[in-house]
Amino acid sequence: MQVLYIGLFGGLGCLARYFVAGWTYSLFGRGLPYGTLAVNVLGSFLLGLVMEGSLRSSLLSPELRMGIAVGFMGGFTTFSTFSFETYRLIEEGSLLQAGANILLNVVVCLLFAALGIFLARQV
């Protein structure tokens, strides 16, 4: 059952990533990889919230928790795209944008993971 959840939620995560990233790019443009940043920040928050919340309660079964954490979040967030986009910025000589992308993805994602964990602990 766990493998089924991972596959099902993985597909949903991929679709969610496509739509959230596209919507983000339509709002902010492509000066920075804002779509990737948005899914990584949102995914960090949601993973912190889901994992901490489900480890503190019996709201989600272990199989469903793994489906969401490994499947959905694995399909939704993306380190490989972040790495590729950052490398392309460096290659193009856009060092300020590359540095901003690295800083934003690492720092903001950590902060949002902490926020998700904090909120889950309040419930």
N, C-alpha and C. Protein backbone atom coordinates (compact mmCIF):
# COMPACT_ATOMS: atom_id res chain seq x y z
N MET A 1 0.82 -1.20 0.00
CA MET A 1 0.00 0.00 0.00
C MET A 1 0.86 1.26 0.00
N GLN A 2 1.99 1.21 0.72
CA GLN A 2 2.89 2.37 0.82
C GLN A 2 3.42 2.76 -0.57
N VAL A 3 3.81 1.78 -1.37
CA VAL A 3 4.34 2.06 -2.71
C VAL A 3 3.25 2.68 -3.58
N LEU A 4 2.03 2.24 -3.44
CA LEU A 4 0.91 2.82 -4.18
C LEU A 4 0.72 4.29 -3.79
N TYR A 5 0.76 4.58 -2.50
CA TYR A 5 0.64 5.97 -2.04
C TYR A 5 1.77 6.84 -2.59
N ILE A 6 2.99 6.32 -2.56
CA ILE A 6 4.13 7.09 -3.05
C ILE A 6 3.96 7.41 -4.53
N GLY A 7 3.57 6.42 -5.32
CA GLY A 7 3.36 6.64 -6.75
C GLY A 7 2.23 7.61 -7.04
N LEU A 8 1.12 7.43 -6.36
CA LEU A 8 -0.04 8.30 -6.57
C LEU A 8 0.27 9.74 -6.15
N PHE A 9 0.80 9.90 -4.97
CA PHE A 9 1.11 11.24 -4.48
C PHE A 9 2.28 11.87 -5.26
N GLY A 10 3.19 11.04 -5.75
CA GLY A 10 4.29 11.57 -6.57
C GLY A 10 3.76 12.22 -7.84
N GLY A 11 2.81 11.57 -8.48
CA GLY A 11 2.19 12.15 -9.68
C GLY A 11 1.47 13.46 -9.36
N LEU A 12 0.76 13.48 -8.26
CA LEU A 12 0.07 14.71 -7.85
C LEU A 12 1.06 15.82 -7.52
N GLY A 13 2.18 15.46 -6.90
CA GLY A 13 3.21 16.45 -6.58
C GLY A 13 3.82 17.05 -7.84
N CYS A 14 4.05 16.21 -8.85
CA CYS A 14 4.59 16.71 -10.12
C CYS A 14 3.63 17.69 -10.78
N LEU A 15 2.37 17.36 -10.78
CA LEU A 15 1.37 18.27 -11.37
C LEU A 15 1.27 19.57 -10.57
N ALA A 16 1.29 19.45 -9.26
CA ALA A 16 1.22 20.65 -8.42
C ALA A 16 2.44 21.54 -8.68
N ARG A 17 3.60 20.93 -8.82
CA ARG A 17 4.82 21.70 -9.10
C ARG A 17 4.68 22.45 -10.41
N TYR A 18 4.19 21.79 -11.42
CA TYR A 18 4.02 22.40 -12.74
C TYR A 18 3.11 23.64 -12.64
N PHE A 19 1.99 23.50 -11.96
CA PHE A 19 1.04 24.60 -11.88
C PHE A 19 1.51 25.72 -10.96
N VAL A 20 2.08 25.38 -9.81
CA VAL A 20 2.56 26.41 -8.88
C VAL A 20 3.73 27.18 -9.50
N ALA A 21 4.67 26.48 -10.11
CA ALA A 21 5.81 27.15 -10.73
C ALA A 21 5.35 28.05 -11.88
N GLY A 22 4.46 27.56 -12.71
CA GLY A 22 3.95 28.36 -13.82
C GLY A 22 3.23 29.61 -13.34
N TRP A 23 2.41 29.46 -12.32
CA TRP A 23 1.69 30.60 -11.75
C TRP A 23 2.67 31.61 -11.17
N THR A 24 3.70 31.12 -10.48
CA THR A 24 4.70 32.00 -9.88
C THR A 24 5.46 32.77 -10.96
N TYR A 25 5.86 32.09 -12.03
CA TYR A 25 6.57 32.78 -13.11
C TYR A 25 5.67 33.83 -13.77
N SER A 26 4.38 33.53 -13.88
CA SER A 26 3.49 34.52 -14.49
C SER A 26 3.34 35.76 -13.61
N LEU A 27 3.49 35.60 -12.30
CA LEU A 27 3.40 36.74 -11.38
C LEU A 27 4.70 37.54 -11.32
N PHE A 28 5.84 36.86 -11.25
CA PHE A 28 7.12 37.51 -10.96
C PHE A 28 8.10 37.54 -12.13
N GLY A 29 7.78 36.87 -13.21
CA GLY A 29 8.70 36.84 -14.34
C GLY A 29 9.80 35.82 -14.14
N ARG A 30 10.83 35.92 -14.97
CA ARG A 30 11.91 34.92 -14.96
C ARG A 30 13.27 35.54 -14.67
N GLY A 31 13.29 36.68 -13.98
CA GLY A 31 14.56 37.31 -13.61
C GLY A 31 15.39 36.43 -12.70
N LEU A 32 14.73 35.67 -11.88
CA LEU A 32 15.32 34.62 -11.04
C LEU A 32 14.45 33.39 -11.23
N PRO A 33 14.93 32.22 -10.86
CA PRO A 33 14.08 31.02 -10.94
C PRO A 33 13.02 31.01 -9.83
N TYR A 34 12.09 31.96 -9.90
CA TYR A 34 11.08 32.11 -8.85
C TYR A 34 10.17 30.90 -8.71
N GLY A 35 9.87 30.23 -9.80
CA GLY A 35 8.99 29.05 -9.73
C GLY A 35 9.61 27.94 -8.90
N THR A 36 10.88 27.68 -9.13
CA THR A 36 11.59 26.66 -8.35
C THR A 36 11.68 27.08 -6.89
N LEU A 37 11.99 28.34 -6.67
CA LEU A 37 12.06 28.84 -5.30
C LEU A 37 10.72 28.67 -4.59
N ALA A 38 9.63 29.00 -5.28
CA ALA A 38 8.30 28.90 -4.66
C ALA A 38 7.97 27.47 -4.27
N VAL A 39 8.22 26.51 -5.16
CA VAL A 39 7.88 25.13 -4.81
C VAL A 39 8.80 24.59 -3.72
N ASN A 40 10.07 25.01 -3.72
CA ASN A 40 10.98 24.55 -2.68
C ASN A 40 10.61 25.13 -1.32
N VAL A 41 10.24 26.41 -1.28
CA VAL A 41 9.84 27.04 -0.01
C VAL A 41 8.53 26.42 0.49
N LEU A 42 7.54 26.34 -0.37
CA LEU A 42 6.26 25.76 0.02
C LEU A 42 6.42 24.30 0.42
N GLY A 43 7.22 23.56 -0.34
CA GLY A 43 7.46 22.16 -0.01
C GLY A 43 8.18 21.98 1.31
N SER A 44 9.12 22.86 1.61
CA SER A 44 9.83 22.80 2.90
C SER A 44 8.86 23.03 4.05
N PHE A 45 7.99 24.02 3.89
CA PHE A 45 6.99 24.30 4.91
C PHE A 45 6.06 23.10 5.09
N LEU A 46 5.53 22.59 3.99
CA LEU A 46 4.58 21.48 4.07
C LEU A 46 5.22 20.22 4.63
N LEU A 47 6.46 19.94 4.25
CA LEU A 47 7.12 18.75 4.77
C LEU A 47 7.34 18.86 6.27
N GLY A 48 7.78 20.04 6.72
CA GLY A 48 7.94 20.25 8.17
C GLY A 48 6.63 20.07 8.90
N LEU A 49 5.57 20.64 8.35
CA LEU A 49 4.24 20.56 8.96
C LEU A 49 3.72 19.11 8.99
N VAL A 50 3.79 18.45 7.86
CA VAL A 50 3.27 17.07 7.76
C VAL A 50 4.07 16.11 8.61
N MET A 51 5.39 16.16 8.51
CA MET A 51 6.21 15.20 9.26
C MET A 51 6.09 15.42 10.76
N GLU A 52 6.25 16.64 11.21
CA GLU A 52 6.16 16.90 12.65
C GLU A 52 4.76 16.61 13.15
N GLY A 53 3.75 17.06 12.42
CA GLY A 53 2.37 16.82 12.84
C GLY A 53 2.01 15.35 12.88
N SER A 54 2.44 14.61 11.87
CA SER A 54 2.07 13.18 11.84
C SER A 54 2.90 12.34 12.81
N LEU A 55 4.08 12.82 13.17
CA LEU A 55 4.86 12.09 14.15
C LEU A 55 4.35 12.34 15.57
N ARG A 56 3.62 13.43 15.75
CA ARG A 56 3.09 13.78 17.07
C ARG A 56 1.64 13.32 17.27
N SER A 57 1.01 12.84 16.21
CA SER A 57 -0.38 12.39 16.33
C SER A 57 -0.59 11.16 15.44
N SER A 58 -1.76 10.60 15.55
CA SER A 58 -2.08 9.44 14.72
C SER A 58 -3.00 9.84 13.57
N LEU A 59 -2.98 11.13 13.21
CA LEU A 59 -3.84 11.64 12.15
C LEU A 59 -3.57 10.96 10.81
N LEU A 60 -2.29 10.73 10.51
CA LEU A 60 -1.91 10.05 9.27
C LEU A 60 -1.29 8.71 9.58
N SER A 61 -1.65 7.71 8.80
CA SER A 61 -1.00 6.41 8.95
C SER A 61 0.44 6.53 8.47
N PRO A 62 1.33 5.64 8.91
CA PRO A 62 2.72 5.69 8.42
C PRO A 62 2.80 5.58 6.89
N GLU A 63 1.92 4.78 6.29
CA GLU A 63 1.92 4.63 4.83
C GLU A 63 1.52 5.92 4.14
N LEU A 64 0.49 6.58 4.65
CA LEU A 64 0.04 7.83 4.07
C LEU A 64 1.09 8.94 4.28
N ARG A 65 1.70 8.95 5.45
CA ARG A 65 2.76 9.93 5.72
C ARG A 65 3.90 9.76 4.72
N MET A 66 4.31 8.54 4.44
CA MET A 66 5.38 8.30 3.47
C MET A 66 4.93 8.66 2.06
N GLY A 67 3.67 8.41 1.75
CA GLY A 67 3.15 8.80 0.44
C GLY A 67 3.24 10.30 0.23
N ILE A 68 2.90 11.05 1.26
CA ILE A 68 2.96 12.51 1.17
C ILE A 68 4.42 12.99 1.18
N ALA A 69 5.20 12.50 2.13
CA ALA A 69 6.58 12.98 2.30
C ALA A 69 7.48 12.58 1.13
N VAL A 70 7.46 11.31 0.77
CA VAL A 70 8.35 10.83 -0.29
C VAL A 70 7.72 11.06 -1.67
N GLY A 71 6.45 10.74 -1.81
CA GLY A 71 5.79 10.87 -3.11
C GLY A 71 5.49 12.31 -3.49
N PHE A 72 4.56 12.93 -2.75
CA PHE A 72 4.14 14.28 -3.11
C PHE A 72 5.30 15.27 -3.04
N MET A 73 5.98 15.30 -1.91
CA MET A 73 7.07 16.28 -1.74
C MET A 73 8.23 15.97 -2.67
N GLY A 74 8.48 14.70 -2.95
CA GLY A 74 9.52 14.33 -3.90
C GLY A 74 9.20 14.79 -5.31
N GLY A 75 7.93 14.71 -5.68
CA GLY A 75 7.51 15.19 -6.99
C GLY A 75 7.35 16.70 -7.05
N PHE A 76 7.06 17.30 -5.92
CA PHE A 76 6.76 18.74 -5.87
C PHE A 76 8.03 19.59 -5.79
N THR A 77 8.94 19.24 -4.91
CA THR A 77 10.15 20.05 -4.73
C THR A 77 11.26 19.52 -5.63
N THR A 78 12.29 20.33 -5.80
CA THR A 78 13.32 19.90 -6.73
C THR A 78 14.67 20.53 -6.45
N PHE A 79 15.60 19.73 -6.03
CA PHE A 79 16.96 20.20 -5.85
C PHE A 79 17.72 20.19 -7.17
N SER A 80 17.40 19.24 -8.02
CA SER A 80 18.11 19.13 -9.30
C SER A 80 17.83 20.35 -10.19
N THR A 81 16.59 20.80 -10.23
CA THR A 81 16.27 21.99 -11.03
C THR A 81 16.94 23.22 -10.44
N PHE A 82 16.91 23.34 -9.12
CA PHE A 82 17.59 24.44 -8.44
C PHE A 82 19.07 24.45 -8.83
N SER A 83 19.71 23.30 -8.81
CA SER A 83 21.13 23.21 -9.14
C SER A 83 21.39 23.60 -10.59
N PHE A 84 20.58 23.10 -11.50
CA PHE A 84 20.74 23.40 -12.92
C PHE A 84 20.54 24.90 -13.18
N GLU A 85 19.47 25.46 -12.63
CA GLU A 85 19.19 26.87 -12.86
C GLU A 85 20.28 27.77 -12.28
N THR A 86 20.79 27.40 -11.12
CA THR A 86 21.86 28.18 -10.51
C THR A 86 23.13 28.10 -11.35
N TYR A 87 23.45 26.92 -11.83
CA TYR A 87 24.63 26.76 -12.68
C TYR A 87 24.49 27.59 -13.95
N ARG A 88 23.31 27.59 -14.55
CA ARG A 88 23.09 28.39 -15.76
C ARG A 88 23.28 29.87 -15.48
N LEU A 89 22.81 30.35 -14.35
CA LEU A 89 23.02 31.75 -13.99
C LEU A 89 24.51 32.06 -13.87
N ILE A 90 25.27 31.17 -13.24
CA ILE A 90 26.71 31.35 -13.11
C ILE A 90 27.36 31.36 -14.49
N GLU A 91 26.97 30.41 -15.32
CA GLU A 91 27.52 30.28 -16.66
C GLU A 91 27.25 31.54 -17.50
N GLU A 92 26.09 32.16 -17.29
CA GLU A 92 25.72 33.37 -18.02
C GLU A 92 26.38 34.62 -17.44
N GLY A 93 27.12 34.46 -16.34
CA GLY A 93 27.76 35.60 -15.72
C GLY A 93 26.85 36.37 -14.77
N SER A 94 25.69 35.82 -14.46
CA SER A 94 24.74 36.47 -13.55
C SER A 94 25.03 36.03 -12.12
N LEU A 95 26.19 36.44 -11.63
CA LEU A 95 26.65 35.95 -10.33
C LEU A 95 25.79 36.46 -9.18
N LEU A 96 25.30 37.69 -9.27
CA LEU A 96 24.44 38.22 -8.22
C LEU A 96 23.14 37.42 -8.13
N GLN A 97 22.53 37.14 -9.28
CA GLN A 97 21.30 36.35 -9.30
C GLN A 97 21.56 34.92 -8.83
N ALA A 98 22.68 34.34 -9.21
CA ALA A 98 23.02 32.99 -8.76
C ALA A 98 23.18 32.96 -7.24
N GLY A 99 23.90 33.94 -6.70
CA GLY A 99 24.06 34.02 -5.25
C GLY A 99 22.75 34.23 -4.53
N ALA A 100 21.91 35.09 -5.09
CA ALA A 100 20.59 35.32 -4.49
C ALA A 100 19.76 34.05 -4.52
N ASN A 101 19.83 33.31 -5.62
CA ASN A 101 19.07 32.06 -5.74
C ASN A 101 19.53 31.04 -4.70
N ILE A 102 20.84 30.93 -4.52
CA ILE A 102 21.38 30.00 -3.52
C ILE A 102 20.93 30.42 -2.12
N LEU A 103 21.12 31.68 -1.80
CA LEU A 103 20.77 32.19 -0.48
C LEU A 103 19.28 32.03 -0.20
N LEU A 104 18.46 32.42 -1.16
CA LEU A 104 17.01 32.33 -0.95
C LEU A 104 16.56 30.88 -0.77
N ASN A 105 17.03 29.99 -1.63
CA ASN A 105 16.61 28.59 -1.52
C ASN A 105 17.04 27.96 -0.22
N VAL A 106 18.26 28.20 0.21
CA VAL A 106 18.75 27.55 1.42
C VAL A 106 18.13 28.19 2.66
N VAL A 107 18.26 29.50 2.80
CA VAL A 107 17.81 30.18 4.02
C VAL A 107 16.29 30.17 4.14
N VAL A 108 15.60 30.56 3.09
CA VAL A 108 14.14 30.66 3.17
C VAL A 108 13.52 29.27 3.34
N CYS A 109 14.06 28.26 2.65
CA CYS A 109 13.52 26.91 2.82
C CYS A 109 13.72 26.41 4.24
N LEU A 110 14.88 26.68 4.83
CA LEU A 110 15.09 26.28 6.23
C LEU A 110 14.13 27.00 7.16
N LEU A 111 13.92 28.28 6.93
CA LEU A 111 12.98 29.04 7.77
C LEU A 111 11.56 28.50 7.64
N PHE A 112 11.15 28.17 6.42
CA PHE A 112 9.79 27.67 6.24
C PHE A 112 9.63 26.24 6.77
N ALA A 113 10.67 25.43 6.70
CA ALA A 113 10.61 24.11 7.34
C ALA A 113 10.44 24.28 8.84
N ALA A 114 11.19 25.21 9.43
CA ALA A 114 11.07 25.49 10.86
C ALA A 114 9.67 26.00 11.20
N LEU A 115 9.12 26.85 10.35
CA LEU A 115 7.76 27.36 10.58
C LEU A 115 6.74 26.23 10.55
N GLY A 116 6.88 25.33 9.59
CA GLY A 116 5.97 24.19 9.53
C GLY A 116 6.06 23.31 10.76
N ILE A 117 7.28 23.07 11.23
CA ILE A 117 7.48 22.27 12.45
C ILE A 117 6.89 22.99 13.66
N PHE A 118 7.14 24.29 13.76
CA PHE A 118 6.60 25.09 14.84
C PHE A 118 5.08 25.03 14.86
N LEU A 119 4.45 25.22 13.71
CA LEU A 119 2.98 25.19 13.66
C LEU A 119 2.43 23.82 14.02
N ALA A 120 3.10 22.77 13.56
CA ALA A 120 2.65 21.41 13.89
C ALA A 120 2.73 21.16 15.39
N ARG A 121 3.71 21.73 16.04
CA ARG A 121 3.87 21.55 17.49
C ARG A 121 2.83 22.33 18.28
N GLN A 122 2.21 23.31 17.67
CA GLN A 122 1.19 24.10 18.35
C GLN A 122 -0.16 23.41 18.39
N VAL A 123 -0.33 22.42 17.53
CA VAL A 123 -1.63 21.72 17.44
C VAL A 123 -1.75 20.68 18.53
